[in-house]
Amino acid sequence: MSDDDLHPLDARIIELLSADARMTNAALADALGVAASTAHTRVRGLVDRGLITGFHAAVDQSRLGRGLQAIVGVTLRPGQRHESIRAFAQEIRRHPDVIQLFFLGGSDDFLVHIAVDDSSAVRRFVVDQLSARNSVASTRTSIIFEYHRNALAADFD
């Protein structure tokens, strides 16, 4: 589906809910200038079509005592790559320090986004959870200084 196939009202719904997923149906309808039933039907249609896949809370990791975030690039060993990709992803994404896991094409096979309490915890994660695996050839760690969430999931202009 291209932007041209998306009704302007649906594009506006996505924009509004991307900025505030807790927006009530009544507030959404007011912002759109439509009846609440129309807003509800449109949102349901976007969910049914898979354009909206969930409604999520933005969590301040530092308030949970996890004030240090890092992105770890992981390269798997070439000979084990095919067998290891699925197993690696299933195991790593369940680790409590992992916020997001990305499977990539390019120099890294995965990017692992973690949130931990300090630099020692980053080291433990990289050494114990990643480097200790036979399937991992190398890792590259970058510390996140600041994070700015883009409120809009898509730009329809």
C-alpha atoms as a PDB file:
ATOM      1  CA  MET A   1       0.000   0.000   0.000  1.00  0.00           C
ATOM      2  CA  SER A   2       1.337   3.403  -0.933  1.00  0.00           C
ATOM      3  CA  ASP A   3       0.621   6.761   0.668  1.00  0.00           C
ATOM      4  CA  ASP A   4      -1.686   7.458  -2.287  1.00  0.00           C
ATOM      5  CA  ASP A   5      -3.922   4.532  -1.272  1.00  0.00           C
ATOM      6  CA  LEU A   6      -4.344   5.813   2.276  1.00  0.00           C
ATOM      7  CA  HIS A   7      -7.410   7.952   2.867  1.00  0.00           C
ATOM      8  CA  PRO A   8      -6.473  11.382   4.328  1.00  0.00           C
ATOM      9  CA  LEU A   9      -8.620  10.674   7.396  1.00  0.00           C
ATOM     10  CA  ASP A  10      -6.732   7.426   8.017  1.00  0.00           C
ATOM     11  CA  ALA A  11      -3.400   9.225   7.614  1.00  0.00           C
ATOM     12  CA  ARG A  12      -4.497  11.789  10.212  1.00  0.00           C
ATOM     13  CA  ILE A  13      -5.597   9.008  12.599  1.00  0.00           C
ATOM     14  CA  ILE A  14      -2.166   7.395  12.321  1.00  0.00           C
ATOM     15  CA  GLU A  15      -0.513  10.758  12.953  1.00  0.00           C
ATOM     16  CA  LEU A  16      -2.655  11.487  16.028  1.00  0.00           C
ATOM     17  CA  LEU A  17      -2.359   8.020  17.568  1.00  0.00           C
ATOM     18  CA  SER A  18       1.391   7.951  16.918  1.00  0.00           C
ATOM     19  CA  ALA A  19       1.693  11.094  19.020  1.00  0.00           C
ATOM     20  CA  ASP A  20      -0.708   9.866  21.743  1.00  0.00           C
ATOM     21  CA  ALA A  21      -1.764   6.212  21.715  1.00  0.00           C
ATOM     22  CA  ARG A  22      -3.910   6.844  24.820  1.00  0.00           C
ATOM     23  CA  MET A  23      -6.118   9.348  23.012  1.00  0.00           C
ATOM     24  CA  THR A  24      -9.756   8.478  23.653  1.00  0.00           C
ATOM     25  CA  ASN A  25     -12.051   7.734  20.768  1.00  0.00           C
ATOM     26  CA  ALA A  26     -14.064  10.869  21.624  1.00  0.00           C
ATOM     27  CA  ALA A  27     -10.932  13.064  21.542  1.00  0.00           C
ATOM     28  CA  LEU A  28      -9.848  11.441  18.289  1.00  0.00           C
ATOM     29  CA  ALA A  29     -13.259  12.097  16.745  1.00  0.00           C
ATOM     30  CA  ASP A  30     -13.125  15.741  17.886  1.00  0.00           C
ATOM     31  CA  ALA A  31      -9.650  16.207  16.406  1.00  0.00           C
ATOM     32  CA  LEU A  32     -10.830  14.691  13.127  1.00  0.00           C
ATOM     33  CA  GLY A  33     -14.144  16.542  13.052  1.00  0.00           C
ATOM     34  CA  VAL A  34     -16.120  13.314  12.641  1.00  0.00           C
ATOM     35  CA  ALA A  35     -18.570  11.269  14.682  1.00  0.00           C
ATOM     36  CA  ALA A  36     -17.154   8.947  17.337  1.00  0.00           C
ATOM     37  CA  SER A  37     -18.562   5.952  15.464  1.00  0.00           C
ATOM     38  CA  THR A  38     -16.691   7.015  12.315  1.00  0.00           C
ATOM     39  CA  ALA A  39     -13.428   7.380  14.235  1.00  0.00           C
ATOM     40  CA  HIS A  40     -13.919   3.971  15.843  1.00  0.00           C
ATOM     41  CA  THR A  41     -14.709   2.301  12.508  1.00  0.00           C
ATOM     42  CA  ARG A  42     -11.668   3.897  10.862  1.00  0.00           C
ATOM     43  CA  VAL A  43      -9.312   2.854  13.681  1.00  0.00           C
ATOM     44  CA  ARG A  44     -10.706  -0.688  13.614  1.00  0.00           C
ATOM     45  CA  GLY A  45     -10.157  -0.776   9.842  1.00  0.00           C
ATOM     46  CA  LEU A  46      -6.539   0.357  10.230  1.00  0.00           C
ATOM     47  CA  VAL A  47      -5.970  -2.380  12.805  1.00  0.00           C
ATOM     48  CA  ASP A  48      -7.703  -5.023  10.681  1.00  0.00           C
ATOM     49  CA  ARG A  49      -5.609  -4.046   7.636  1.00  0.00           C
ATOM     50  CA  GLY A  50      -2.418  -4.287   9.690  1.00  0.00           C
ATOM     51  CA  LEU A  51      -1.502  -0.606   9.375  1.00  0.00           C
ATOM     52  CA  ILE A  52      -1.791  -0.190  13.139  1.00  0.00           C
ATOM     53  CA  THR A  53      -0.190  -3.166  14.842  1.00  0.00           C
ATOM     54  CA  GLY A  54      -0.492  -2.120  18.466  1.00  0.00           C
ATOM     55  CA  PHE A  55      -0.817   0.665  20.996  1.00  0.00           C
ATOM     56  CA  HIS A  56       2.312   1.081  23.109  1.00  0.00           C
ATOM     57  CA  ALA A  57       3.530   2.912  26.171  1.00  0.00           C
ATOM     58  CA  ALA A  58       6.774   4.872  25.966  1.00  0.00           C
ATOM     59  CA  VAL A  59       8.760   3.827  29.043  1.00  0.00           C
ATOM     60  CA  ASP A  60      11.460   5.954  30.680  1.00  0.00           C
ATOM     61  CA  GLN A  61      14.080   3.271  31.314  1.00  0.00           C
ATOM     62  CA  SER A  62      16.093   5.517  33.641  1.00  0.00           C
ATOM     63  CA  ARG A  63      13.139   5.716  36.036  1.00  0.00           C
ATOM     64  CA  LEU A  64      13.260   1.928  36.200  1.00  0.00           C
ATOM     65  CA  GLY A  65      16.903   2.087  37.266  1.00  0.00           C
ATOM     66  CA  ARG A  66      18.146   1.303  33.765  1.00  0.00           C
ATOM     67  CA  GLY A  67      19.728   4.649  32.928  1.00  0.00           C
ATOM     68  CA  LEU A  68      22.372   3.389  30.522  1.00  0.00           C
ATOM     69  CA  GLN A  69      21.355   2.256  27.049  1.00  0.00           C
ATOM     70  CA  ALA A  70      23.542   0.783  24.343  1.00  0.00           C
ATOM     71  CA  ILE A  71      23.285  -0.595  20.837  1.00  0.00           C
ATOM     72  CA  VAL A  72      25.361  -3.714  20.265  1.00  0.00           C
ATOM     73  CA  GLY A  73      26.120  -4.784  16.716  1.00  0.00           C
ATOM     74  CA  VAL A  74      26.501  -8.559  16.447  1.00  0.00           C
ATOM     75  CA  THR A  75      28.097 -10.489  13.597  1.00  0.00           C
ATOM     76  CA  LEU A  76      27.552 -14.236  13.523  1.00  0.00           C
ATOM     77  CA  ARG A  77      30.174 -16.705  12.311  1.00  0.00           C
ATOM     78  CA  PRO A  78      29.691 -17.307   8.565  1.00  0.00           C
ATOM     79  CA  GLY A  79      29.686 -21.107   8.783  1.00  0.00           C
ATOM     80  CA  GLN A  80      26.966 -21.127  11.426  1.00  0.00           C
ATOM     81  CA  ARG A  81      24.945 -18.190  10.211  1.00  0.00           C
ATOM     82  CA  HIS A  82      22.023 -20.086   8.621  1.00  0.00           C
ATOM     83  CA  GLU A  83      21.391 -22.361  11.609  1.00  0.00           C
ATOM     84  CA  SER A  84      22.110 -19.724  14.219  1.00  0.00           C
ATOM     85  CA  ILE A  85      19.954 -16.785  13.171  1.00  0.00           C
ATOM     86  CA  ARG A  86      16.635 -18.078  14.482  1.00  0.00           C
ATOM     87  CA  ALA A  87      18.078 -19.563  17.678  1.00  0.00           C
ATOM     88  CA  PHE A  88      20.055 -16.410  18.442  1.00  0.00           C
ATOM     89  CA  ALA A  89      17.034 -14.147  17.933  1.00  0.00           C
ATOM     90  CA  GLN A  90      14.714 -16.309  20.036  1.00  0.00           C
ATOM     91  CA  GLU A  91      17.145 -16.499  22.941  1.00  0.00           C
ATOM     92  CA  ILE A  92      18.442 -12.920  22.984  1.00  0.00           C
ATOM     93  CA  ARG A  93      15.078 -11.189  22.632  1.00  0.00           C
ATOM     94  CA  ARG A  94      13.901 -12.879  25.851  1.00  0.00           C
ATOM     95  CA  HIS A  95      16.752 -11.424  27.917  1.00  0.00           C
ATOM     96  CA  PRO A  96      15.403  -8.807  30.367  1.00  0.00           C
ATOM     97  CA  ASP A  97      17.986  -6.186  29.340  1.00  0.00           C
ATOM     98  CA  VAL A  98      16.943  -6.313  25.673  1.00  0.00           C
ATOM     99  CA  ILE A  99      14.546  -3.567  24.581  1.00  0.00           C
ATOM    100  CA  GLN A 100      14.676  -4.181  20.825  1.00  0.00           C
ATOM    101  CA  LEU A 101      16.335  -6.636  18.473  1.00  0.00           C
ATOM    102  CA  PHE A 102      16.888  -5.942  14.785  1.00  0.00           C
ATOM    103  CA  PHE A 103      17.873  -8.556  12.178  1.00  0.00           C
ATOM    104  CA  LEU A 104      19.862  -6.812   9.446  1.00  0.00           C
ATOM    105  CA  GLY A 105      21.399  -7.117   6.054  1.00  0.00           C
ATOM    106  CA  GLY A 106      24.855  -5.563   5.942  1.00  0.00           C
ATOM    107  CA  SER A 107      27.999  -5.763   8.024  1.00  0.00           C
ATOM    108  CA  ASP A 108      26.151  -6.651  11.256  1.00  0.00           C
ATOM    109  CA  ASP A 109      23.658  -9.493  11.454  1.00  0.00           C
ATOM    110  CA  PHE A 110      21.846  -8.040  14.466  1.00  0.00           C
ATOM    111  CA  LEU A 111      21.556  -4.817  16.431  1.00  0.00           C
ATOM    112  CA  VAL A 112      20.645  -5.394  20.060  1.00  0.00           C
ATOM    113  CA  HIS A 113      19.256  -2.398  21.977  1.00  0.00           C
ATOM    114  CA  ILE A 114      19.765  -2.865  25.710  1.00  0.00           C
ATOM    115  CA  ALA A 115      18.949  -0.854  28.840  1.00  0.00           C
ATOM    116  CA  VAL A 116      20.972  -1.529  31.987  1.00  0.00           C
ATOM    117  CA  ASP A 117      21.965   0.181  35.217  1.00  0.00           C
ATOM    118  CA  ASP A 118      25.672   0.838  34.537  1.00  0.00           C
ATOM    119  CA  SER A 119      28.690   0.159  32.311  1.00  0.00           C
ATOM    120  CA  SER A 120      29.519  -3.036  34.209  1.00  0.00           C
ATOM    121  CA  ALA A 121      26.123  -4.395  33.212  1.00  0.00           C
ATOM    122  CA  VAL A 122      26.832  -3.558  29.551  1.00  0.00           C
ATOM    123  CA  ARG A 123      30.104  -5.442  29.820  1.00  0.00           C
ATOM    124  CA  ARG A 124      28.426  -8.453  31.471  1.00  0.00           C
ATOM    125  CA  PHE A 125      25.749  -8.561  28.786  1.00  0.00           C
ATOM    126  CA  VAL A 126      28.256  -8.378  25.926  1.00  0.00           C
ATOM    127  CA  VAL A 127      30.689 -10.885  27.452  1.00  0.00           C
ATOM    128  CA  ASP A 128      28.235 -13.355  29.025  1.00  0.00           C
ATOM    129  CA  GLN A 129      25.258 -13.187  26.677  1.00  0.00           C
ATOM    130  CA  LEU A 130      26.880 -12.444  23.323  1.00  0.00           C
ATOM    131  CA  SER A 131      30.615 -13.109  23.091  1.00  0.00           C
ATOM    132  CA  ALA A 132      30.325 -16.388  25.003  1.00  0.00           C
ATOM    133  CA  ARG A 133      28.193 -17.885  22.206  1.00  0.00           C
ATOM    134  CA  ASN A 134      29.991 -20.013  19.648  1.00  0.00           C
ATOM    135  CA  SER A 135      27.793 -18.552  16.914  1.00  0.00           C
ATOM    136  CA  VAL A 136      28.995 -14.966  17.580  1.00  0.00           C
ATOM    137  CA  ALA A 137      32.054 -13.844  15.622  1.00  0.00           C
ATOM    138  CA  SER A 138      32.214 -10.246  16.870  1.00  0.00           C
ATOM    139  CA  THR A 139      30.386  -7.464  18.664  1.00  0.00           C
ATOM    140  CA  ARG A 140      30.584  -3.687  18.461  1.00  0.00           C
ATOM    141  CA  THR A 141      29.051  -1.602  21.261  1.00  0.00           C
ATOM    142  CA  SER A 142      27.848   2.003  21.086  1.00  0.00           C
ATOM    143  CA  ILE A 143      26.566   3.864  24.138  1.00  0.00           C
ATOM    144  CA  ILE A 144      23.436   5.967  23.634  1.00  0.00           C
ATOM    145  CA  PHE A 145      23.884   9.515  24.957  1.00  0.00           C
ATOM    146  CA  GLU A 146      20.391  10.784  24.089  1.00  0.00           C
ATOM    147  CA  TYR A 147      17.272   9.332  22.558  1.00  0.00           C
ATOM    148  CA  HIS A 148      14.635  11.363  20.749  1.00  0.00           C
ATOM    149  CA  ARG A 149      11.511   9.443  19.861  1.00  0.00           C
ATOM    150  CA  ASN A 150       9.892  10.439  16.610  1.00  0.00           C
ATOM    151  CA  ALA A 151       6.252  10.904  17.558  1.00  0.00           C
ATOM    152  CA  LEU A 152       5.073  10.278  14.028  1.00  0.00           C
ATOM    153  CA  ALA A 153       5.274   6.736  12.734  1.00  0.00           C
ATOM    154  CA  ALA A 154       4.872   7.951   9.179  1.00  0.00           C
ATOM    155  CA  ASP A 155       5.131  11.217   7.297  1.00  0.00           C
ATOM    156  CA  PHE A 156       2.214  11.667   4.946  1.00  0.00           C
ATOM    157  CA  ASP A 157       3.046  15.146   3.636  1.00  0.00           C
END
